[in-house]
């Protein structure tokens, strides 16, 4: 990746702005490490787990009608793991101490994710533009009838859930 040094600089600036960060990692959505600054942590494992968590988060956002993935926050006993969208093909994962200001973490993580996304997307476009053109293949014979295009997926609001109560349901409280 051509933007590796610039992405690393962004990670360093981010860690300077949020001193409670213990690690930062830019990875592809497929789980490959792009750039990492994660002392004491295995970056390949974090990148692979980030891809798995991202897949679940994307599906959850889609299933609940919340739109495209933006961020994921995990809070553990000893701190936070925050993952932010970074362009079309990358994510930014941050590790932070439990005493971090979560609002500041989100503010800086979102900004860094945008910047890293711009860098990664620009590098990917530059690589595609400079890639040698593939030789033209012989044209395929056209079928008698062209296949129908895939239908477009549209979102419709879900009906609100209703709950039913049984008339004989009892609750008890202690006095």
N, C-alpha and C. Protein backbone atom coordinates (compact mmCIF):
# COMPACT_ATOMS: atom_id res chain seq x y z
N UNK A 1 0.85 -1.18 0.00
CA UNK A 1 0.00 0.00 0.00
C UNK A 1 0.89 1.24 0.00
N UNK A 2 0.61 2.13 -0.91
CA UNK A 2 1.44 3.32 -1.08
C UNK A 2 1.29 4.31 0.07
N UNK A 3 0.16 4.32 0.74
CA UNK A 3 -0.10 5.32 1.78
C UNK A 3 0.29 4.84 3.17
N UNK A 4 1.06 3.78 3.26
CA UNK A 4 1.40 3.18 4.55
C UNK A 4 2.03 4.18 5.52
N UNK A 5 2.99 4.95 5.07
CA UNK A 5 3.67 5.92 5.94
C UNK A 5 2.70 7.00 6.42
N UNK A 6 1.83 7.45 5.54
CA UNK A 6 0.86 8.49 5.92
C UNK A 6 -0.16 7.96 6.92
N UNK A 7 -0.59 6.71 6.75
CA UNK A 7 -1.53 6.11 7.69
C UNK A 7 -0.85 5.93 9.05
N UNK A 8 0.42 5.52 9.05
CA UNK A 8 1.15 5.37 10.31
C UNK A 8 1.28 6.72 11.01
N UNK A 9 1.55 7.78 10.26
CA UNK A 9 1.61 9.13 10.85
C UNK A 9 0.28 9.50 11.48
N UNK A 10 -0.81 9.16 10.82
CA UNK A 10 -2.15 9.46 11.37
C UNK A 10 -2.38 8.69 12.67
N UNK A 11 -1.94 7.44 12.74
CA UNK A 11 -2.07 6.66 13.97
C UNK A 11 -1.26 7.29 15.10
N UNK A 12 -0.06 7.75 14.79
CA UNK A 12 0.78 8.40 15.81
C UNK A 12 0.14 9.70 16.31
N UNK A 13 -0.39 10.50 15.38
CA UNK A 13 -1.06 11.74 15.80
C UNK A 13 -2.28 11.44 16.65
N UNK A 14 -3.00 10.41 16.29
CA UNK A 14 -4.18 10.01 17.05
C UNK A 14 -3.79 9.59 18.47
N UNK A 15 -2.73 8.82 18.59
CA UNK A 15 -2.28 8.39 19.92
C UNK A 15 -1.77 9.57 20.74
N UNK A 16 -1.26 10.60 20.09
CA UNK A 16 -0.83 11.80 20.82
C UNK A 16 -2.05 12.60 21.31
N UNK A 17 -3.13 12.62 20.51
CA UNK A 17 -4.34 13.37 20.89
C UNK A 17 -5.15 12.65 21.97
N UNK A 18 -5.06 11.31 22.02
CA UNK A 18 -5.78 10.52 23.01
C UNK A 18 -4.74 9.67 23.74
N UNK A 19 -4.15 10.21 24.82
CA UNK A 19 -3.06 9.51 25.49
C UNK A 19 -3.45 8.17 26.12
N UNK A 20 -4.74 7.95 26.36
CA UNK A 20 -5.18 6.69 26.96
C UNK A 20 -5.26 5.54 25.96
N UNK A 21 -4.94 5.80 24.70
CA UNK A 21 -4.92 4.71 23.72
C UNK A 21 -3.73 3.81 24.00
N UNK A 22 -3.97 2.52 23.95
CA UNK A 22 -2.89 1.55 24.15
C UNK A 22 -2.50 0.86 22.85
N UNK A 23 -3.29 1.10 21.80
CA UNK A 23 -2.98 0.51 20.52
C UNK A 23 -3.89 1.05 19.43
N UNK A 24 -3.41 0.98 18.20
CA UNK A 24 -4.19 1.42 17.04
C UNK A 24 -3.81 0.55 15.85
N UNK A 25 -4.81 0.22 15.05
CA UNK A 25 -4.60 -0.70 13.95
C UNK A 25 -5.52 -0.34 12.80
N UNK A 26 -4.97 -0.22 11.61
CA UNK A 26 -5.77 -0.07 10.39
C UNK A 26 -5.70 -1.41 9.67
N UNK A 27 -6.88 -1.92 9.31
CA UNK A 27 -6.94 -3.23 8.67
C UNK A 27 -7.93 -3.19 7.52
N UNK A 28 -7.79 -4.14 6.62
CA UNK A 28 -8.76 -4.26 5.54
C UNK A 28 -10.02 -4.90 6.13
N UNK A 29 -11.14 -4.75 5.46
CA UNK A 29 -12.37 -5.35 5.95
C UNK A 29 -12.29 -6.88 5.90
N UNK A 30 -11.30 -7.40 5.18
CA UNK A 30 -11.08 -8.85 5.11
C UNK A 30 -10.21 -9.36 6.25
N UNK A 31 -9.70 -8.47 7.10
CA UNK A 31 -8.91 -8.90 8.25
C UNK A 31 -7.41 -8.89 8.04
N UNK A 32 -6.92 -8.20 7.02
CA UNK A 32 -5.48 -8.12 6.79
C UNK A 32 -4.94 -6.82 7.39
N UNK A 33 -3.83 -6.90 8.09
CA UNK A 33 -3.23 -5.72 8.72
C UNK A 33 -2.68 -4.81 7.63
N UNK A 34 -3.07 -3.54 7.67
CA UNK A 34 -2.51 -2.54 6.77
C UNK A 34 -1.37 -1.82 7.48
N UNK A 35 -1.66 -1.27 8.66
CA UNK A 35 -0.67 -0.57 9.48
C UNK A 35 -1.06 -0.81 10.93
N UNK A 36 -0.06 -0.99 11.79
CA UNK A 36 -0.39 -1.24 13.19
C UNK A 36 0.59 -0.57 14.14
N UNK A 37 0.07 -0.19 15.28
CA UNK A 37 0.86 0.32 16.39
C UNK A 37 0.23 -0.27 17.65
N UNK A 38 0.47 -1.55 17.86
CA UNK A 38 -0.17 -2.29 18.95
C UNK A 38 0.87 -3.03 19.78
N UNK A 39 1.63 -2.31 20.61
CA UNK A 39 2.65 -2.99 21.41
C UNK A 39 2.03 -4.03 22.36
N UNK A 40 2.60 -5.21 22.36
CA UNK A 40 2.14 -6.27 23.26
C UNK A 40 0.90 -7.00 22.80
N UNK A 41 0.38 -6.66 21.65
CA UNK A 41 -0.82 -7.31 21.10
C UNK A 41 -0.46 -7.87 19.73
N UNK A 42 -0.98 -9.04 19.42
CA UNK A 42 -0.73 -9.64 18.12
C UNK A 42 -1.64 -9.00 17.06
N UNK A 43 -1.09 -8.17 16.18
CA UNK A 43 -1.93 -7.41 15.25
C UNK A 43 -2.74 -8.28 14.28
N UNK A 44 -2.19 -9.42 13.86
CA UNK A 44 -2.91 -10.28 12.92
C UNK A 44 -4.17 -10.84 13.56
N UNK A 45 -4.08 -11.19 14.85
CA UNK A 45 -5.24 -11.70 15.57
C UNK A 45 -6.30 -10.62 15.72
N UNK A 46 -5.87 -9.41 16.09
CA UNK A 46 -6.81 -8.30 16.26
C UNK A 46 -7.48 -7.97 14.92
N UNK A 47 -6.72 -7.97 13.84
CA UNK A 47 -7.29 -7.67 12.52
C UNK A 47 -8.30 -8.74 12.12
N UNK A 48 -7.99 -9.99 12.34
CA UNK A 48 -8.92 -11.07 12.00
C UNK A 48 -10.19 -10.99 12.84
N UNK A 49 -10.04 -10.74 14.14
CA UNK A 49 -11.21 -10.61 15.00
C UNK A 49 -12.02 -9.37 14.66
N UNK A 50 -11.35 -8.31 14.25
CA UNK A 50 -12.05 -7.10 13.82
C UNK A 50 -12.93 -7.41 12.61
N UNK A 51 -12.40 -8.16 11.66
CA UNK A 51 -13.18 -8.52 10.47
C UNK A 51 -14.41 -9.34 10.85
N UNK A 52 -14.25 -10.24 11.80
CA UNK A 52 -15.37 -11.05 12.26
C UNK A 52 -16.42 -10.19 12.95
N UNK A 53 -15.97 -9.32 13.88
CA UNK A 53 -16.90 -8.44 14.58
C UNK A 53 -17.57 -7.47 13.61
N UNK A 54 -16.83 -7.00 12.63
CA UNK A 54 -17.37 -6.10 11.62
C UNK A 54 -18.49 -6.77 10.84
N UNK A 55 -18.27 -8.02 10.48
CA UNK A 55 -19.29 -8.77 9.74
C UNK A 55 -20.59 -8.85 10.54
N UNK A 56 -20.48 -9.16 11.83
CA UNK A 56 -21.66 -9.24 12.68
C UNK A 56 -22.31 -7.86 12.83
N UNK A 57 -21.49 -6.82 13.04
CA UNK A 57 -22.02 -5.47 13.21
C UNK A 57 -22.74 -4.99 11.95
N UNK A 58 -22.19 -5.28 10.79
CA UNK A 58 -22.82 -4.88 9.52
C UNK A 58 -24.17 -5.59 9.39
N UNK A 59 -24.20 -6.87 9.71
CA UNK A 59 -25.44 -7.62 9.61
C UNK A 59 -26.48 -7.12 10.60
N UNK A 60 -26.03 -6.78 11.81
CA UNK A 60 -26.94 -6.27 12.84
C UNK A 60 -27.53 -4.92 12.40
N UNK A 61 -26.69 -4.04 11.90
CA UNK A 61 -27.17 -2.73 11.43
C UNK A 61 -28.16 -2.91 10.29
N UNK A 62 -27.88 -3.84 9.39
CA UNK A 62 -28.76 -4.10 8.26
C UNK A 62 -30.09 -4.70 8.72
N UNK A 63 -30.02 -5.69 9.60
CA UNK A 63 -31.23 -6.37 10.07
C UNK A 63 -32.15 -5.44 10.86
N UNK A 64 -31.58 -4.46 11.52
CA UNK A 64 -32.38 -3.54 12.32
C UNK A 64 -32.73 -2.26 11.58
N UNK A 65 -32.30 -2.16 10.33
CA UNK A 65 -32.63 -0.99 9.52
C UNK A 65 -31.89 0.27 9.93
N UNK A 66 -30.69 0.13 10.50
CA UNK A 66 -29.94 1.29 10.98
C UNK A 66 -28.99 1.88 9.95
N UNK A 67 -28.93 1.31 8.76
CA UNK A 67 -28.08 1.86 7.71
C UNK A 67 -26.69 1.26 7.69
N UNK A 68 -25.79 1.94 6.99
CA UNK A 68 -24.42 1.44 6.83
C UNK A 68 -23.66 1.47 8.15
N UNK A 69 -22.71 0.56 8.29
CA UNK A 69 -21.87 0.48 9.49
C UNK A 69 -21.05 1.76 9.66
N UNK A 70 -20.95 2.24 10.86
CA UNK A 70 -20.12 3.39 11.19
C UNK A 70 -19.10 3.06 12.27
N UNK A 71 -19.56 2.44 13.39
CA UNK A 71 -18.62 2.16 14.47
C UNK A 71 -19.15 1.06 15.38
N UNK A 72 -18.24 0.48 16.13
CA UNK A 72 -18.54 -0.59 17.06
C UNK A 72 -17.72 -0.34 18.31
N UNK A 73 -18.34 -0.42 19.48
CA UNK A 73 -17.64 -0.20 20.74
C UNK A 73 -17.83 -1.40 21.64
N UNK A 74 -16.72 -1.92 22.15
CA UNK A 74 -16.75 -3.03 23.09
C UNK A 74 -16.10 -2.54 24.38
N UNK A 75 -16.78 -2.75 25.48
CA UNK A 75 -16.23 -2.34 26.77
C UNK A 75 -15.92 -3.59 27.58
N UNK A 76 -14.66 -3.70 27.98
CA UNK A 76 -14.24 -4.80 28.83
C UNK A 76 -13.89 -4.28 30.21
N UNK A 77 -13.54 -5.15 31.10
CA UNK A 77 -13.20 -4.76 32.46
C UNK A 77 -12.01 -3.82 32.48
N UNK A 78 -11.07 -4.02 31.57
CA UNK A 78 -9.83 -3.24 31.58
C UNK A 78 -9.76 -2.15 30.53
N UNK A 79 -10.81 -1.99 29.74
CA UNK A 79 -10.76 -0.94 28.74
C UNK A 79 -11.71 -1.17 27.59
N UNK A 80 -11.44 -0.47 26.49
CA UNK A 80 -12.33 -0.43 25.33
C UNK A 80 -11.63 -0.90 24.06
N UNK A 81 -12.44 -1.46 23.18
CA UNK A 81 -12.02 -1.74 21.81
C UNK A 81 -13.05 -1.03 20.94
N UNK A 82 -12.60 -0.09 20.13
CA UNK A 82 -13.50 0.68 19.28
C UNK A 82 -13.07 0.49 17.83
N UNK A 83 -14.04 0.21 16.97
CA UNK A 83 -13.77 0.02 15.55
C UNK A 83 -14.59 1.02 14.76
N UNK A 84 -13.93 1.72 13.83
CA UNK A 84 -14.57 2.76 13.03
C UNK A 84 -14.39 2.45 11.55
N UNK A 85 -15.41 2.76 10.76
CA UNK A 85 -15.30 2.62 9.31
C UNK A 85 -14.20 3.56 8.82
N UNK A 86 -13.41 3.09 7.86
CA UNK A 86 -12.33 3.90 7.29
C UNK A 86 -12.35 3.72 5.78
N UNK A 87 -13.23 4.43 5.14
CA UNK A 87 -13.33 4.32 3.68
C UNK A 87 -14.12 3.11 3.26
N UNK A 88 -13.93 2.73 2.01
CA UNK A 88 -14.70 1.61 1.45
C UNK A 88 -14.14 0.25 1.82
N UNK A 89 -12.83 0.17 2.08
CA UNK A 89 -12.22 -1.16 2.24
C UNK A 89 -11.42 -1.33 3.51
N UNK A 90 -11.50 -0.40 4.44
CA UNK A 90 -10.67 -0.50 5.64
C UNK A 90 -11.46 -0.13 6.89
N UNK A 91 -10.89 -0.53 8.03
CA UNK A 91 -11.44 -0.17 9.34
C UNK A 91 -10.29 0.24 10.24
N UNK A 92 -10.63 1.06 11.23
CA UNK A 92 -9.67 1.50 12.23
C UNK A 92 -10.10 0.91 13.56
N UNK A 93 -9.21 0.18 14.22
CA UNK A 93 -9.51 -0.39 15.53
C UNK A 93 -8.59 0.25 16.55
N UNK A 94 -9.19 0.75 17.63
CA UNK A 94 -8.45 1.42 18.69
C UNK A 94 -8.62 0.65 20.00
N UNK A 95 -7.54 0.54 20.75
CA UNK A 95 -7.57 -0.06 22.08
C UNK A 95 -7.32 1.05 23.07
N UNK A 96 -8.15 1.13 24.12
CA UNK A 96 -8.03 2.25 25.06
C UNK A 96 -8.19 1.75 26.50
N UNK A 97 -7.56 2.48 27.40
CA UNK A 97 -7.68 2.18 28.83
C UNK A 97 -9.11 2.43 29.29
N UNK A 98 -9.47 1.87 30.44
CA UNK A 98 -10.83 2.03 30.94
C UNK A 98 -11.13 3.46 31.40
N UNK A 99 -10.11 4.26 31.61
CA UNK A 99 -10.33 5.63 32.07
C UNK A 99 -10.40 6.64 30.92
N UNK A 100 -10.44 6.18 29.68
CA UNK A 100 -10.52 7.08 28.53
C UNK A 100 -11.87 7.81 28.53
N UNK A 101 -11.87 9.02 28.06
CA UNK A 101 -13.11 9.76 27.84
C UNK A 101 -13.70 9.20 26.55
N UNK A 102 -14.81 8.49 26.66
CA UNK A 102 -15.38 7.79 25.51
C UNK A 102 -15.84 8.78 24.43
N UNK A 103 -16.34 9.93 24.84
CA UNK A 103 -16.73 10.95 23.86
C UNK A 103 -15.53 11.41 23.04
N UNK A 104 -14.42 11.62 23.72
CA UNK A 104 -13.18 12.03 23.02
C UNK A 104 -12.68 10.91 22.12
N UNK A 105 -12.78 9.67 22.62
CA UNK A 105 -12.38 8.51 21.82
C UNK A 105 -13.18 8.46 20.53
N UNK A 106 -14.49 8.64 20.63
CA UNK A 106 -15.33 8.63 19.43
C UNK A 106 -15.00 9.80 18.49
N UNK A 107 -14.87 10.98 19.04
CA UNK A 107 -14.56 12.15 18.22
C UNK A 107 -13.27 11.95 17.43
N UNK A 108 -12.22 11.60 18.12
CA UNK A 108 -10.91 11.43 17.46
C UNK A 108 -10.89 10.18 16.58
N UNK A 109 -11.54 9.11 17.01
CA UNK A 109 -11.58 7.88 16.20
C UNK A 109 -12.32 8.09 14.89
N UNK A 110 -13.42 8.82 14.94
CA UNK A 110 -14.18 9.11 13.72
C UNK A 110 -13.36 9.97 12.76
N UNK A 111 -12.70 10.99 13.29
CA UNK A 111 -11.86 11.85 12.44
C UNK A 111 -10.73 11.06 11.80
N UNK A 112 -10.06 10.25 12.61
CA UNK A 112 -8.95 9.46 12.09
C UNK A 112 -9.45 8.43 11.07
N UNK A 113 -10.61 7.84 11.33
CA UNK A 113 -11.18 6.88 10.38
C UNK A 113 -11.45 7.52 9.04
N UNK A 114 -11.98 8.74 9.06
CA UNK A 114 -12.22 9.45 7.80
C UNK A 114 -10.92 9.70 7.04
N UNK A 115 -9.92 10.19 7.76
CA UNK A 115 -8.63 10.51 7.13
C UNK A 115 -7.96 9.24 6.59
N UNK A 116 -7.95 8.18 7.39
CA UNK A 116 -7.33 6.92 6.95
C UNK A 116 -8.10 6.36 5.76
N UNK A 117 -9.42 6.46 5.79
CA UNK A 117 -10.22 6.01 4.66
C UNK A 117 -9.88 6.74 3.38
N UNK A 118 -9.70 8.06 3.49
CA UNK A 118 -9.29 8.84 2.31
C UNK A 118 -7.94 8.37 1.77
N UNK A 119 -6.99 8.14 2.68
CA UNK A 119 -5.65 7.71 2.26
C UNK A 119 -5.68 6.32 1.61
N UNK A 120 -6.38 5.39 2.24
CA UNK A 120 -6.44 4.01 1.72
C UNK A 120 -7.19 3.97 0.40
N UNK A 121 -8.31 4.67 0.32
CA UNK A 121 -9.08 4.67 -0.93
C UNK A 121 -8.29 5.32 -2.07
N UNK A 122 -7.58 6.41 -1.78
CA UNK A 122 -6.77 7.07 -2.81
C UNK A 122 -5.64 6.15 -3.27
N UNK A 123 -5.01 5.43 -2.34
CA UNK A 123 -3.94 4.50 -2.70
C UNK A 123 -4.48 3.36 -3.56
N UNK A 124 -5.66 2.87 -3.22
CA UNK A 124 -6.26 1.78 -4.01
C UNK A 124 -6.60 2.25 -5.42
N UNK A 125 -7.12 3.47 -5.53
CA UNK A 125 -7.43 4.01 -6.86
C UNK A 125 -6.16 4.21 -7.68
N UNK A 126 -5.10 4.69 -7.04
CA UNK A 126 -3.83 4.90 -7.74
C UNK A 126 -3.25 3.57 -8.23
N UNK A 127 -3.36 2.53 -7.40
CA UNK A 127 -2.87 1.21 -7.80
C UNK A 127 -3.66 0.66 -8.98
N UNK A 128 -4.97 0.87 -8.96
CA UNK A 128 -5.79 0.39 -10.07
C UNK A 128 -5.47 1.15 -11.35
N UNK A 129 -5.23 2.45 -11.23
CA UNK A 129 -4.93 3.26 -12.42
C UNK A 129 -3.58 2.90 -13.02
N UNK A 130 -2.62 2.53 -12.16
CA UNK A 130 -1.28 2.23 -12.67
C UNK A 130 -1.10 0.76 -13.03
N UNK A 131 -2.09 -0.08 -12.74
CA UNK A 131 -1.99 -1.50 -13.08
C UNK A 131 -2.02 -1.66 -14.59
N UNK A 132 -1.19 -2.58 -15.11
CA UNK A 132 -1.19 -2.79 -16.56
C UNK A 132 -2.54 -3.33 -17.01
N UNK A 133 -2.96 -2.87 -18.16
CA UNK A 133 -4.24 -3.31 -18.70
C UNK A 133 -4.15 -4.76 -19.11
N UNK A 134 -5.20 -5.51 -18.84
CA UNK A 134 -5.24 -6.92 -19.23
C UNK A 134 -5.51 -7.00 -20.73
N UNK A 135 -4.91 -7.98 -21.38
CA UNK A 135 -5.18 -8.11 -22.81
C UNK A 135 -6.65 -8.41 -23.05
N UNK A 136 -7.16 -7.87 -24.12
CA UNK A 136 -8.57 -8.06 -24.44
C UNK A 136 -8.81 -9.52 -24.80
N UNK A 137 -9.83 -10.09 -24.19
CA UNK A 137 -10.19 -11.47 -24.46
C UNK A 137 -11.16 -11.49 -25.65
N UNK A 138 -11.25 -12.64 -26.26
CA UNK A 138 -12.18 -12.79 -27.37
C UNK A 138 -13.59 -12.56 -26.85
N UNK A 139 -14.41 -11.87 -27.59
CA UNK A 139 -15.77 -11.63 -27.11
C UNK A 139 -16.53 -12.93 -26.97
N UNK A 140 -17.33 -12.99 -25.90
CA UNK A 140 -18.13 -14.20 -25.67
C UNK A 140 -19.36 -14.13 -26.56
N UNK A 141 -19.81 -15.29 -27.00
CA UNK A 141 -21.03 -15.28 -27.81
C UNK A 141 -22.20 -14.81 -26.95
N UNK A 142 -23.08 -14.04 -27.56
CA UNK A 142 -24.21 -13.52 -26.80
C UNK A 142 -25.31 -14.56 -26.77
N UNK A 143 -25.90 -14.76 -25.61
CA UNK A 143 -26.99 -15.75 -25.54
C UNK A 143 -28.23 -15.22 -26.25
N UNK A 144 -29.14 -16.13 -26.53
CA UNK A 144 -30.36 -15.75 -27.24
C UNK A 144 -31.16 -14.74 -26.41
N UNK A 145 -31.25 -14.95 -25.13
CA UNK A 145 -31.98 -14.01 -24.28
C UNK A 145 -31.07 -13.60 -23.13
N UNK A 146 -30.94 -12.32 -22.94
CA UNK A 146 -30.09 -11.82 -21.85
C UNK A 146 -30.78 -12.08 -20.52
N UNK A 147 -30.00 -12.43 -19.48
CA UNK A 147 -30.63 -12.68 -18.18
C UNK A 147 -31.21 -11.39 -17.60
N UNK A 148 -32.24 -11.56 -16.81
CA UNK A 148 -32.88 -10.40 -16.17
C UNK A 148 -31.94 -9.83 -15.12
N UNK A 149 -31.89 -8.50 -14.96
CA UNK A 149 -31.04 -7.92 -13.92
C UNK A 149 -31.58 -8.27 -12.55
N UNK A 150 -30.67 -8.29 -11.57
CA UNK A 150 -31.07 -8.58 -10.20
C UNK A 150 -31.99 -7.48 -9.71
N UNK A 151 -33.04 -7.83 -8.96
CA UNK A 151 -33.92 -6.77 -8.45
C UNK A 151 -33.20 -5.93 -7.41
N UNK A 152 -33.57 -4.67 -7.33
CA UNK A 152 -32.95 -3.77 -6.35
C UNK A 152 -33.59 -4.02 -5.00
N UNK A 153 -32.76 -4.00 -4.00
CA UNK A 153 -33.26 -4.24 -2.65
C UNK A 153 -33.71 -2.91 -2.05
N UNK A 154 -34.91 -2.89 -1.57
CA UNK A 154 -35.42 -1.69 -0.93
C UNK A 154 -35.74 -1.97 0.52
N UNK A 155 -35.71 -0.94 1.31
CA UNK A 155 -36.01 -1.11 2.74
C UNK A 155 -37.42 -0.62 3.01
N UNK A 156 -38.13 -1.41 3.77
CA UNK A 156 -39.44 -0.99 4.22
C UNK A 156 -39.42 -1.04 5.73
N UNK A 157 -40.09 -0.09 6.37
CA UNK A 157 -40.09 -0.10 7.84
C UNK A 157 -40.80 -1.34 8.36
N UNK A 158 -40.29 -1.86 9.43
CA UNK A 158 -40.90 -3.02 10.05
C UNK A 158 -42.07 -2.59 10.92
N UNK A 159 -43.03 -3.47 11.02
CA UNK A 159 -44.17 -3.20 11.89
C UNK A 159 -43.70 -3.30 13.34
N UNK A 160 -44.25 -2.46 14.22
CA UNK A 160 -43.82 -2.55 15.62
C UNK A 160 -44.25 -3.88 16.23
N UNK A 161 -43.43 -4.36 17.12
CA UNK A 161 -43.74 -5.62 17.78
C UNK A 161 -44.83 -5.38 18.83
N UNK A 162 -45.72 -6.32 18.91
CA UNK A 162 -46.74 -6.24 19.95
C UNK A 162 -46.54 -7.40 20.89
N UNK A 163 -46.79 -7.16 22.13
CA UNK A 163 -46.67 -8.23 23.11
C UNK A 163 -48.05 -8.51 23.67
N UNK A 164 -48.28 -9.73 23.95
CA UNK A 164 -49.56 -10.10 24.53
C UNK A 164 -49.34 -10.53 25.96
N UNK A 165 -50.31 -10.24 26.78
CA UNK A 165 -50.23 -10.67 28.17
C UNK A 165 -51.36 -11.64 28.42
N UNK A 166 -51.07 -12.59 29.24
CA UNK A 166 -52.11 -13.55 29.59
C UNK A 166 -52.89 -12.99 30.77
N UNK A 167 -54.22 -13.18 30.77
CA UNK A 167 -55.02 -12.60 31.83
C UNK A 167 -54.70 -13.18 33.20
N UNK A 168 -54.15 -14.37 33.28
CA UNK A 168 -53.90 -15.01 34.56
C UNK A 168 -52.46 -14.82 35.02
N UNK A 169 -51.69 -13.96 34.33
CA UNK A 169 -50.29 -13.77 34.71
C UNK A 169 -50.24 -13.07 36.06
N UNK A 170 -49.36 -13.55 36.96
CA UNK A 170 -49.25 -12.97 38.29
C UNK A 170 -47.81 -12.55 38.55
N UNK A 171 -47.68 -11.51 39.28
CA UNK A 171 -46.36 -11.09 39.75
C UNK A 171 -46.41 -11.03 41.24
N UNK A 172 -45.28 -11.29 41.85
CA UNK A 172 -45.24 -11.23 43.31
C UNK A 172 -44.16 -10.27 43.73
N UNK A 173 -44.39 -9.62 44.81
CA UNK A 173 -43.38 -8.76 45.40
C UNK A 173 -43.31 -9.04 46.88
N UNK A 174 -42.16 -8.88 47.44
CA UNK A 174 -42.00 -9.08 48.86
C UNK A 174 -42.17 -7.76 49.56
N UNK A 175 -42.82 -7.79 50.70
CA UNK A 175 -43.02 -6.57 51.49
C UNK A 175 -41.97 -6.42 52.52
